[in-house]
């Protein structure tokens, strides 16, 4: 998986996921002449942290812009690294791919509520 494949969300997901923990990232401006940190810069740092943990998404991302003692401008981001699961699963009887919310298999007709 590449760093840029990791999805960034400002809210939660509708699909099931497994939480790996909260991550943070900080990008700062080096000097008065360098460019200000952007959302893309700090998102890339978040994606690097998420990849290090084995996550494929970052949820509930919040941003905070300010100044620090060592740098003129700072952009911080905080989010929850997760492994998002697919909204599909295999039917327990015929092993065909179906939606997790399905109550009946569209392939074999099995009742999934009782299976």
Protein backbone atom coordinates (compact mmCIF):
# COMPACT_ATOMS: atom_id res chain seq x y z
CA UNK A 1 0.00 0.00 0.00
CA UNK A 2 1.24 3.48 -0.86
CA UNK A 3 1.05 6.41 1.54
CA UNK A 4 -1.32 8.27 -0.77
CA UNK A 5 -3.77 5.31 -0.77
CA UNK A 6 -4.71 6.01 2.85
CA UNK A 7 -8.04 7.85 3.00
CA UNK A 8 -8.52 10.95 5.19
CA UNK A 9 -12.03 11.64 6.60
CA UNK A 10 -13.20 14.60 8.67
CA UNK A 11 -15.96 12.45 10.19
CA UNK A 12 -16.65 8.76 10.85
CA UNK A 13 -17.35 5.87 8.46
CA UNK A 14 -20.61 4.02 7.83
CA UNK A 15 -18.75 0.75 7.32
CA UNK A 16 -17.23 -1.32 10.13
CA UNK A 17 -13.66 -0.53 11.16
CA UNK A 18 -11.04 -1.54 13.73
CA UNK A 19 -9.40 1.31 15.63
CA UNK A 20 -5.59 1.35 15.88
CA UNK A 21 -5.19 4.52 17.92
CA UNK A 22 -5.01 8.28 17.72
CA UNK A 23 -2.27 9.84 15.61
CA UNK A 24 -0.98 13.39 15.26
CA UNK A 25 1.09 15.26 12.71
CA UNK A 26 2.75 18.66 12.72
CA UNK A 27 4.16 20.73 9.86
CA UNK A 28 5.92 24.01 10.48
CA UNK A 29 7.22 26.91 8.47
CA UNK A 30 11.02 26.96 8.48
CA UNK A 31 11.56 30.70 8.13
CA UNK A 32 9.80 33.91 7.18
CA UNK A 33 10.67 33.29 3.52
CA UNK A 34 9.45 29.68 3.27
CA UNK A 35 5.90 28.75 2.31
CA UNK A 36 3.17 28.32 4.87
CA UNK A 37 2.24 24.74 5.72
CA UNK A 38 -0.84 23.46 3.85
CA UNK A 39 -3.55 20.91 4.60
CA UNK A 40 -1.99 18.64 1.97
CA UNK A 41 1.37 18.78 3.78
CA UNK A 42 -0.07 17.78 7.14
CA UNK A 43 -2.37 15.16 5.57
CA UNK A 44 0.69 13.51 4.01
CA UNK A 45 2.32 13.36 7.46
CA UNK A 46 -0.89 11.81 8.87
CA UNK A 47 -0.89 9.24 6.07
CA UNK A 48 2.74 8.35 6.86
CA UNK A 49 1.85 7.79 10.53
CA UNK A 50 -1.21 5.72 9.60
CA UNK A 51 0.86 3.56 7.24
CA UNK A 52 3.38 2.95 10.01
CA UNK A 53 0.54 1.54 12.16
CA UNK A 54 -0.92 -0.53 9.31
CA UNK A 55 -4.07 1.58 8.89
CA UNK A 56 -5.89 2.22 5.62
CA UNK A 57 -7.88 5.29 6.76
CA UNK A 58 -7.78 8.19 9.22
CA UNK A 59 -11.10 9.32 10.74
CA UNK A 60 -12.31 12.40 12.63
CA UNK A 61 -9.39 14.54 11.46
CA UNK A 62 -9.17 17.99 13.03
CA UNK A 63 -6.72 20.78 12.19
CA UNK A 64 -5.19 23.48 14.36
CA UNK A 65 -3.09 26.36 13.01
CA UNK A 66 -0.88 28.43 15.27
CA UNK A 67 2.65 29.44 16.20
CA UNK A 68 5.31 27.81 18.30
CA UNK A 69 8.50 28.95 20.03
CA UNK A 70 10.67 27.36 17.34
CA UNK A 71 8.63 28.18 14.24
CA UNK A 72 6.67 31.09 12.83
CA UNK A 73 3.68 29.05 11.63
CA UNK A 74 2.57 25.56 12.62
CA UNK A 75 -0.25 23.38 11.29
CA UNK A 76 -1.23 20.41 13.44
CA UNK A 77 -3.63 17.58 12.62
CA UNK A 78 -5.10 14.88 14.83
CA UNK A 79 -7.13 11.82 13.83
CA UNK A 80 -7.97 8.20 14.53
CA UNK A 81 -6.04 5.58 12.54
CA UNK A 82 -8.30 2.67 11.56
CA UNK A 83 -8.48 -0.40 9.38
CA UNK A 84 -11.71 0.04 7.45
CA UNK A 85 -13.41 -3.20 6.54
CA UNK A 86 -15.28 -3.82 3.34
CA UNK A 87 -19.06 -3.48 3.27
CA UNK A 88 -19.15 -6.95 1.69
CA UNK A 89 -18.66 -10.45 3.10
CA UNK A 90 -18.89 -14.05 1.97
CA UNK A 91 -22.13 -15.98 2.30
CA UNK A 92 -21.57 -18.66 4.99
CA UNK A 93 -23.25 -21.30 2.80
CA UNK A 94 -22.23 -20.67 -0.83
CA UNK A 95 -19.16 -18.40 -0.26
CA UNK A 96 -20.35 -15.82 -2.84
CA UNK A 97 -19.72 -12.13 -2.09
CA UNK A 98 -22.74 -10.29 -0.64
CA UNK A 99 -23.40 -7.07 1.30
CA UNK A 100 -22.91 -7.22 5.10
CA UNK A 101 -26.38 -5.79 5.66
CA UNK A 102 -28.05 -8.50 3.55
CA UNK A 103 -30.67 -10.62 5.25
CA UNK A 104 -30.84 -13.15 2.42
CA UNK A 105 -28.14 -14.31 -0.01
CA UNK A 106 -28.90 -13.21 -3.57
CA UNK A 107 -27.01 -16.21 -4.96
CA UNK A 108 -28.26 -19.23 -3.00
CA UNK A 109 -31.26 -17.72 -1.19
CA UNK A 110 -29.94 -18.65 2.26
CA UNK A 111 -31.53 -16.82 5.20
CA UNK A 112 -28.56 -14.99 6.72
CA UNK A 113 -30.35 -13.90 9.88
CA UNK A 114 -30.49 -17.49 11.14
CA UNK A 115 -27.30 -18.75 9.44
